[in-house]
Amino acid sequence: MSEREIVVVTGFGPFRQFLVNPSWTTAQGLKLAGMGQRIDVYIKELPVSYSSTQRIIAELWQTLKPKFAVHLGIARGSSLVILEQTGKNSGYSTRDVCNCCPTDHRCIVGGPEKLDSVVNMRAISKHFKQAGMDVVHSRDAGRYLCDFAYYCSLYHGERRAAFIHIPSSGSLSSAERLVPLLQETIVMMLDQLEEAKYHSETPSWRSESVLQLGASCSPPREI
């Protein structure tokens, strides 16, 4: 990377008992920690609202043109860091804090049914598990605002996005342990992007991929 690039990190706003959402305070911690000298970290709080989240994510990609986006959400009752591989387009029937659901219960009308991140979440989780850390990967982000935000970002960012569910309990829920772990995780994701870019620029006979490659207005569930 020869010049400074932008990485977007988002967390969610107030939700149920979380008057200050841990995903947002974690995003703020990552802003302070940074991602190295060549990366500018831009953070944004997402309301627990389908329509607002859809609009904000589209604007972030269109105006900032980031290298990568990382979205954080809280996994209630979990002590694990969960790296989500896949965003789903349909099945959003749980109402948000505005008591609304997406049009046709979809993220993007006419979009693919699912989108995978360009990042290989299995490989990254394996690295941390070998080091004894409670990091796992998943292909089901929950069909609520987490999944919705992730799909929208994968769609607008040409799959250059990640979603991480952070724990609400256990030792990794403390900022002192969680922020450095996520910082390392995101740097690994960026390294994957760089390696993929290198391979895409080499002749095909040498290339070897390192990656997998509006609202209608019953309470909401966790994000």
C-alpha atoms as a PDB file:
ATOM      1  CA  MET A   1       0.000   0.000   0.000  1.00  0.00           C
ATOM      2  CA  SER A   2       1.779   3.123  -1.218  1.00  0.00           C
ATOM      3  CA  GLU A   3      -0.666   5.722   0.129  1.00  0.00           C
ATOM      4  CA  ARG A   4      -3.129   6.060   2.988  1.00  0.00           C
ATOM      5  CA  GLU A   5      -6.362   4.154   2.544  1.00  0.00           C
ATOM      6  CA  ILE A   6      -9.635   4.170   4.459  1.00  0.00           C
ATOM      7  CA  VAL A   7     -11.051   1.312   6.493  1.00  0.00           C
ATOM      8  CA  VAL A   8     -14.594   1.866   7.754  1.00  0.00           C
ATOM      9  CA  VAL A   9     -15.580   0.378  11.124  1.00  0.00           C
ATOM     10  CA  THR A  10     -19.191   0.538  12.287  1.00  0.00           C
ATOM     11  CA  GLY A  11     -21.017  -0.352  15.492  1.00  0.00           C
ATOM     12  CA  PHE A  12     -24.694  -0.183  16.358  1.00  0.00           C
ATOM     13  CA  GLY A  13     -26.542   2.386  18.409  1.00  0.00           C
ATOM     14  CA  PRO A  14     -28.758   1.849  21.480  1.00  0.00           C
ATOM     15  CA  PHE A  15     -30.721  -1.388  21.558  1.00  0.00           C
ATOM     16  CA  ARG A  16     -32.808  -2.887  24.355  1.00  0.00           C
ATOM     17  CA  GLN A  17     -30.721  -2.895  27.549  1.00  0.00           C
ATOM     18  CA  PHE A  18     -27.663  -1.572  25.709  1.00  0.00           C
ATOM     19  CA  LEU A  19     -28.108   2.183  26.131  1.00  0.00           C
ATOM     20  CA  VAL A  20     -24.532   2.423  24.929  1.00  0.00           C
ATOM     21  CA  ASN A  21     -23.980  -0.454  22.546  1.00  0.00           C
ATOM     22  CA  PRO A  22     -20.701  -2.362  23.146  1.00  0.00           C
ATOM     23  CA  SER A  23     -20.244  -2.727  19.392  1.00  0.00           C
ATOM     24  CA  TRP A  24     -20.051   1.064  19.080  1.00  0.00           C
ATOM     25  CA  THR A  25     -17.650   1.518  22.006  1.00  0.00           C
ATOM     26  CA  THR A  26     -15.478  -1.218  20.458  1.00  0.00           C
ATOM     27  CA  ALA A  27     -15.468   0.658  17.136  1.00  0.00           C
ATOM     28  CA  GLN A  28     -14.315   3.742  19.027  1.00  0.00           C
ATOM     29  CA  GLY A  29     -11.561   1.690  20.658  1.00  0.00           C
ATOM     30  CA  LEU A  30     -10.381   0.486  17.249  1.00  0.00           C
ATOM     31  CA  LYS A  31     -10.273   4.070  16.020  1.00  0.00           C
ATOM     32  CA  LEU A  32      -7.945   4.955  18.888  1.00  0.00           C
ATOM     33  CA  ALA A  33      -5.830   1.814  18.395  1.00  0.00           C
ATOM     34  CA  GLY A  34      -5.462   2.352  14.652  1.00  0.00           C
ATOM     35  CA  MET A  35      -4.510  -0.081  11.894  1.00  0.00           C
ATOM     36  CA  GLY A  36      -1.008   1.084  11.048  1.00  0.00           C
ATOM     37  CA  GLN A  37       0.482   4.179   9.478  1.00  0.00           C
ATOM     38  CA  ARG A  38      -1.064   3.715   6.040  1.00  0.00           C
ATOM     39  CA  ILE A  39      -4.661   3.176   7.169  1.00  0.00           C
ATOM     40  CA  ASP A  40      -7.159   5.832   8.238  1.00  0.00           C
ATOM     41  CA  VAL A  41      -9.915   4.318  10.386  1.00  0.00           C
ATOM     42  CA  TYR A  42     -13.306   5.957   9.865  1.00  0.00           C
ATOM     43  CA  ILE A  43     -15.998   4.973  12.378  1.00  0.00           C
ATOM     44  CA  LYS A  44     -19.763   5.324  12.110  1.00  0.00           C
ATOM     45  CA  GLU A  45     -22.627   4.423  14.452  1.00  0.00           C
ATOM     46  CA  LEU A  46     -25.518   2.623  12.730  1.00  0.00           C
ATOM     47  CA  PRO A  47     -29.056   2.976  14.125  1.00  0.00           C
ATOM     48  CA  VAL A  48     -30.909  -0.285  14.724  1.00  0.00           C
ATOM     49  CA  SER A  49     -33.117   0.642  11.767  1.00  0.00           C
ATOM     50  CA  TYR A  50     -33.273  -1.080   8.393  1.00  0.00           C
ATOM     51  CA  SER A  51     -33.872   2.017   6.296  1.00  0.00           C
ATOM     52  CA  SER A  52     -31.256   4.176   8.042  1.00  0.00           C
ATOM     53  CA  THR A  53     -28.651   1.407   7.960  1.00  0.00           C
ATOM     54  CA  GLN A  54     -29.282   0.760   4.272  1.00  0.00           C
ATOM     55  CA  ARG A  55     -28.879   4.461   3.439  1.00  0.00           C
ATOM     56  CA  ILE A  56     -25.789   5.028   5.594  1.00  0.00           C
ATOM     57  CA  ILE A  57     -23.897   2.005   4.278  1.00  0.00           C
ATOM     58  CA  ALA A  58     -24.594   2.934   0.658  1.00  0.00           C
ATOM     59  CA  GLU A  59     -23.377   6.488   1.355  1.00  0.00           C
ATOM     60  CA  LEU A  60     -20.207   5.269   3.097  1.00  0.00           C
ATOM     61  CA  TRP A  61     -19.186   3.211   0.072  1.00  0.00           C
ATOM     62  CA  GLN A  62     -20.157   5.893  -2.444  1.00  0.00           C
ATOM     63  CA  THR A  63     -18.509   8.864  -0.726  1.00  0.00           C
ATOM     64  CA  LEU A  64     -15.498   7.421   1.134  1.00  0.00           C
ATOM     65  CA  LYS A  65     -14.648   4.621  -1.313  1.00  0.00           C
ATOM     66  CA  PRO A  66     -12.931   2.639   1.457  1.00  0.00           C
ATOM     67  CA  LYS A  67     -10.475  -0.179   0.963  1.00  0.00           C
ATOM     68  CA  PHE A  68     -12.504  -2.344   3.343  1.00  0.00           C
ATOM     69  CA  ALA A  69     -15.400  -2.155   5.803  1.00  0.00           C
ATOM     70  CA  VAL A  70     -15.749  -3.964   9.124  1.00  0.00           C
ATOM     71  CA  HIS A  71     -19.122  -4.057  10.861  1.00  0.00           C
ATOM     72  CA  LEU A  72     -19.461  -4.974  14.535  1.00  0.00           C
ATOM     73  CA  GLY A  73     -22.496  -6.288  16.395  1.00  0.00           C
ATOM     74  CA  ILE A  74     -23.119  -7.741  19.836  1.00  0.00           C
ATOM     75  CA  ALA A  75     -23.813 -11.472  20.248  1.00  0.00           C
ATOM     76  CA  ARG A  76     -25.868 -11.625  23.439  1.00  0.00           C
ATOM     77  CA  GLY A  77     -25.029 -14.549  25.691  1.00  0.00           C
ATOM     78  CA  SER A  78     -21.902 -15.475  23.737  1.00  0.00           C
ATOM     79  CA  SER A  79     -18.311 -15.505  24.977  1.00  0.00           C
ATOM     80  CA  LEU A  80     -16.909 -15.987  21.460  1.00  0.00           C
ATOM     81  CA  VAL A  81     -15.710 -13.666  18.732  1.00  0.00           C
ATOM     82  CA  ILE A  82     -17.632 -14.787  15.631  1.00  0.00           C
ATOM     83  CA  LEU A  83     -16.365 -13.988  12.130  1.00  0.00           C
ATOM     84  CA  GLU A  84     -19.285 -14.031   9.707  1.00  0.00           C
ATOM     85  CA  GLN A  85     -18.583 -15.280   6.185  1.00  0.00           C
ATOM     86  CA  THR A  86     -21.957 -14.739   4.504  1.00  0.00           C
ATOM     87  CA  GLY A  87     -24.658 -12.084   4.245  1.00  0.00           C
ATOM     88  CA  LYS A  88     -28.210 -13.127   3.299  1.00  0.00           C
ATOM     89  CA  ASN A  89     -30.576 -11.054   1.172  1.00  0.00           C
ATOM     90  CA  SER A  90     -34.017 -12.309   2.236  1.00  0.00           C
ATOM     91  CA  GLY A  91     -35.953 -13.384   5.318  1.00  0.00           C
ATOM     92  CA  TYR A  92     -35.973 -10.146   7.326  1.00  0.00           C
ATOM     93  CA  SER A  93     -39.307 -10.354   9.136  1.00  0.00           C
ATOM     94  CA  THR A  94     -38.278  -9.128  12.607  1.00  0.00           C
ATOM     95  CA  ARG A  95     -39.162  -5.476  13.109  1.00  0.00           C
ATOM     96  CA  ASP A  96     -36.520  -2.901  13.998  1.00  0.00           C
ATOM     97  CA  VAL A  97     -36.624  -0.211  16.713  1.00  0.00           C
ATOM     98  CA  CYS A  98     -38.875   1.846  14.417  1.00  0.00           C
ATOM     99  CA  ASN A  99     -41.286  -1.130  14.197  1.00  0.00           C
ATOM    100  CA  CYS A 100     -40.451  -1.546  10.495  1.00  0.00           C
ATOM    101  CA  CYS A 101     -39.342  -4.342   8.168  1.00  0.00           C
ATOM    102  CA  PRO A 102     -37.515  -4.023   4.834  1.00  0.00           C
ATOM    103  CA  THR A 103     -39.487  -3.913   1.593  1.00  0.00           C
ATOM    104  CA  ASP A 104     -40.231  -7.509   0.539  1.00  0.00           C
ATOM    105  CA  HIS A 105     -38.217  -8.541   3.636  1.00  0.00           C
ATOM    106  CA  ARG A 106     -35.070  -8.105   1.541  1.00  0.00           C
ATOM    107  CA  CYS A 107     -31.876  -6.066   1.756  1.00  0.00           C
ATOM    108  CA  ILE A 108     -31.571  -5.344  -1.974  1.00  0.00           C
ATOM    109  CA  VAL A 109     -34.496  -6.149  -4.258  1.00  0.00           C
ATOM    110  CA  GLY A 110     -33.032  -8.048  -7.221  1.00  0.00           C
ATOM    111  CA  GLY A 111     -29.748  -8.774  -5.455  1.00  0.00           C
ATOM    112  CA  PRO A 112     -28.211 -12.283  -5.144  1.00  0.00           C
ATOM    113  CA  GLU A 113     -29.644 -14.465  -2.401  1.00  0.00           C
ATOM    114  CA  LYS A 114     -26.343 -14.482  -0.535  1.00  0.00           C
ATOM    115  CA  LEU A 115     -22.932 -12.876  -0.753  1.00  0.00           C
ATOM    116  CA  ASP A 116     -19.660 -14.095   0.753  1.00  0.00           C
ATOM    117  CA  SER A 117     -16.865 -11.829   1.902  1.00  0.00           C
ATOM    118  CA  VAL A 118     -13.679 -11.972  -0.124  1.00  0.00           C
ATOM    119  CA  VAL A 119     -11.938 -12.707   3.187  1.00  0.00           C
ATOM    120  CA  ASN A 120     -11.510 -16.340   4.191  1.00  0.00           C
ATOM    121  CA  MET A 121     -12.997 -16.267   7.703  1.00  0.00           C
ATOM    122  CA  ARG A 122     -12.303 -19.952   8.296  1.00  0.00           C
ATOM    123  CA  ALA A 123      -8.564 -19.436   7.774  1.00  0.00           C
ATOM    124  CA  ILE A 124      -8.451 -16.470  10.144  1.00  0.00           C
ATOM    125  CA  SER A 125     -10.466 -18.221  12.860  1.00  0.00           C
ATOM    126  CA  LYS A 126      -8.197 -21.262  12.550  1.00  0.00           C
ATOM    127  CA  HIS A 127      -5.159 -19.056  13.191  1.00  0.00           C
ATOM    128  CA  PHE A 128      -6.626 -17.750  16.436  1.00  0.00           C
ATOM    129  CA  LYS A 129      -7.972 -21.107  17.592  1.00  0.00           C
ATOM    130  CA  GLN A 130      -4.491 -22.574  17.226  1.00  0.00           C
ATOM    131  CA  ALA A 131      -3.329 -19.776  19.544  1.00  0.00           C
ATOM    132  CA  GLY A 132      -5.994 -20.767  22.080  1.00  0.00           C
ATOM    133  CA  MET A 133      -8.348 -17.847  21.395  1.00  0.00           C
ATOM    134  CA  ASP A 134     -12.137 -18.189  21.320  1.00  0.00           C
ATOM    135  CA  VAL A 135     -12.581 -17.093  17.706  1.00  0.00           C
ATOM    136  CA  VAL A 136     -14.898 -19.014  15.368  1.00  0.00           C
ATOM    137  CA  HIS A 137     -16.403 -18.486  11.913  1.00  0.00           C
ATOM    138  CA  SER A 138     -20.053 -18.674  10.899  1.00  0.00           C
ATOM    139  CA  ARG A 139     -22.254 -18.547   7.804  1.00  0.00           C
ATOM    140  CA  ASP A 140     -25.425 -17.344   9.537  1.00  0.00           C
ATOM    141  CA  ALA A 141     -25.391 -13.776  10.839  1.00  0.00           C
ATOM    142  CA  GLY A 142     -28.963 -13.969  12.157  1.00  0.00           C
ATOM    143  CA  ARG A 143     -31.419 -12.312   9.725  1.00  0.00           C
ATOM    144  CA  TYR A 144     -31.672  -9.084  11.690  1.00  0.00           C
ATOM    145  CA  LEU A 145     -29.771  -5.788  11.546  1.00  0.00           C
ATOM    146  CA  CYS A 146     -26.347  -7.484  11.711  1.00  0.00           C
ATOM    147  CA  ASP A 147     -27.053  -9.686   8.709  1.00  0.00           C
ATOM    148  CA  PHE A 148     -28.852  -6.844   6.940  1.00  0.00           C
ATOM    149  CA  ALA A 149     -25.973  -4.391   7.371  1.00  0.00           C
ATOM    150  CA  TYR A 150     -23.473  -7.025   6.280  1.00  0.00           C
ATOM    151  CA  TYR A 151     -25.290  -7.910   3.064  1.00  0.00           C
ATOM    152  CA  CYS A 152     -25.736  -4.244   2.143  1.00  0.00           C
ATOM    153  CA  SER A 153     -22.025  -3.623   2.635  1.00  0.00           C
ATOM    154  CA  LEU A 154     -20.981  -6.737   0.706  1.00  0.00           C
ATOM    155  CA  TYR A 155     -23.275  -5.626  -2.123  1.00  0.00           C
ATOM    156  CA  HIS A 156     -22.082  -2.014  -2.344  1.00  0.00           C
ATOM    157  CA  GLY A 157     -18.448  -2.836  -1.567  1.00  0.00           C
ATOM    158  CA  GLU A 158     -18.068  -5.695  -4.045  1.00  0.00           C
ATOM    159  CA  ARG A 159     -17.653  -8.138  -1.119  1.00  0.00           C
ATOM    160  CA  ARG A 160     -14.798  -6.175   0.511  1.00  0.00           C
ATOM    161  CA  ALA A 161     -16.433  -6.278   3.927  1.00  0.00           C
ATOM    162  CA  ALA A 162     -16.503  -8.276   7.135  1.00  0.00           C
ATOM    163  CA  PHE A 163     -18.947  -8.691   9.979  1.00  0.00           C
ATOM    164  CA  ILE A 164     -17.736  -9.583  13.458  1.00  0.00           C
ATOM    165  CA  HIS A 165     -20.052 -10.544  16.301  1.00  0.00           C
ATOM    166  CA  ILE A 166     -18.395  -9.551  19.554  1.00  0.00           C
ATOM    167  CA  PRO A 167     -19.063 -11.355  22.874  1.00  0.00           C
ATOM    168  CA  SER A 168     -21.292  -9.990  25.619  1.00  0.00           C
ATOM    169  CA  SER A 169     -19.745 -12.206  28.310  1.00  0.00           C
ATOM    170  CA  GLY A 170     -16.471 -13.916  29.160  1.00  0.00           C
ATOM    171  CA  SER A 171     -12.917 -12.630  29.181  1.00  0.00           C
ATOM    172  CA  LEU A 172     -12.973 -11.419  25.567  1.00  0.00           C
ATOM    173  CA  SER A 173     -15.838  -9.034  26.288  1.00  0.00           C
ATOM    174  CA  SER A 174     -13.446  -6.650  28.065  1.00  0.00           C
ATOM    175  CA  ALA A 175     -12.126  -3.827  25.894  1.00  0.00           C
ATOM    176  CA  GLU A 176      -8.580  -4.504  27.104  1.00  0.00           C
ATOM    177  CA  ARG A 177      -8.609  -7.938  25.454  1.00  0.00           C
ATOM    178  CA  LEU A 178     -11.161  -7.443  22.688  1.00  0.00           C
ATOM    179  CA  VAL A 179      -9.771  -4.357  20.953  1.00  0.00           C
ATOM    180  CA  PRO A 180      -6.212  -5.726  20.442  1.00  0.00           C
ATOM    181  CA  LEU A 181      -7.660  -9.037  19.214  1.00  0.00           C
ATOM    182  CA  LEU A 182      -9.921  -7.310  16.694  1.00  0.00           C
ATOM    183  CA  GLN A 183      -7.096  -5.027  15.633  1.00  0.00           C
ATOM    184  CA  GLU A 184      -4.961  -8.076  14.808  1.00  0.00           C
ATOM    185  CA  THR A 185      -7.911  -9.764  13.101  1.00  0.00           C
ATOM    186  CA  ILE A 186      -8.609  -6.804  10.824  1.00  0.00           C
ATOM    187  CA  VAL A 187      -4.931  -6.422   9.924  1.00  0.00           C
ATOM    188  CA  MET A 188      -4.950 -10.099   8.868  1.00  0.00           C
ATOM    189  CA  MET A 189      -7.993  -9.402   6.706  1.00  0.00           C
ATOM    190  CA  LEU A 190      -6.218  -6.495   5.049  1.00  0.00           C
ATOM    191  CA  ASP A 191      -3.180  -8.691   4.429  1.00  0.00           C
ATOM    192  CA  GLN A 192      -5.453 -11.182   2.658  1.00  0.00           C
ATOM    193  CA  LEU A 193      -6.760  -8.387   0.438  1.00  0.00           C
ATOM    194  CA  GLU A 194      -3.237  -7.325  -0.476  1.00  0.00           C
ATOM    195  CA  GLU A 195      -2.202 -10.879  -1.285  1.00  0.00           C
ATOM    196  CA  ALA A 196      -5.294 -11.368  -3.427  1.00  0.00           C
ATOM    197  CA  LYS A 197      -4.509  -8.127  -5.268  1.00  0.00           C
ATOM    198  CA  TYR A 198      -0.974  -9.362  -5.963  1.00  0.00           C
ATOM    199  CA  HIS A 199      -2.224 -12.670  -7.343  1.00  0.00           C
ATOM    200  CA  SER A 200      -4.808 -10.921  -9.506  1.00  0.00           C
ATOM    201  CA  GLU A 201      -1.998  -8.936 -11.117  1.00  0.00           C
ATOM    202  CA  THR A 202       0.189 -11.984 -11.896  1.00  0.00           C
ATOM    203  CA  PRO A 203      -0.205 -14.126 -15.032  1.00  0.00           C
ATOM    204  CA  SER A 204      -2.960 -16.706 -14.717  1.00  0.00           C
ATOM    205  CA  TRP A 205      -0.503 -19.596 -14.928  1.00  0.00           C
ATOM    206  CA  ARG A 206       1.178 -18.308 -11.743  1.00  0.00           C
ATOM    207  CA  SER A 207      -1.932 -17.198  -9.868  1.00  0.00           C
ATOM    208  CA  GLU A 208      -3.132 -19.156  -6.885  1.00  0.00           C
ATOM    209  CA  SER A 209      -6.044 -17.666  -4.962  1.00  0.00           C
ATOM    210  CA  VAL A 210      -5.730 -17.291  -1.208  1.00  0.00           C
ATOM    211  CA  LEU A 211      -9.358 -16.325  -0.690  1.00  0.00           C
ATOM    212  CA  GLN A 212     -12.751 -17.911  -0.860  1.00  0.00           C
ATOM    213  CA  LEU A 213     -13.251 -16.306  -3.492  1.00  0.00           C
ATOM    214  CA  GLY A 214     -36.709   1.043   1.567  1.00  0.00           C
ATOM    215  CA  ALA A 215     -38.987  -0.017   4.719  1.00  0.00           C
ATOM    216  CA  SER A 216     -42.609  -0.995   5.566  1.00  0.00           C
ATOM    217  CA  CYS A 217     -44.033  -0.055   8.864  1.00  0.00           C
ATOM    218  CA  SER A 218     -43.662  -7.418  18.007  1.00  0.00           C
ATOM    219  CA  PRO A 219     -40.441  -6.576  19.382  1.00  0.00           C
ATOM    220  CA  PRO A 220     -36.936  -6.812  17.856  1.00  0.00           C
ATOM    221  CA  ARG A 221     -34.365  -9.399  18.788  1.00  0.00           C
ATOM    222  CA  GLU A 222     -30.653  -9.070  19.302  1.00  0.00           C
ATOM    223  CA  ILE A 223     -28.301  -7.544  16.782  1.00  0.00           C
END
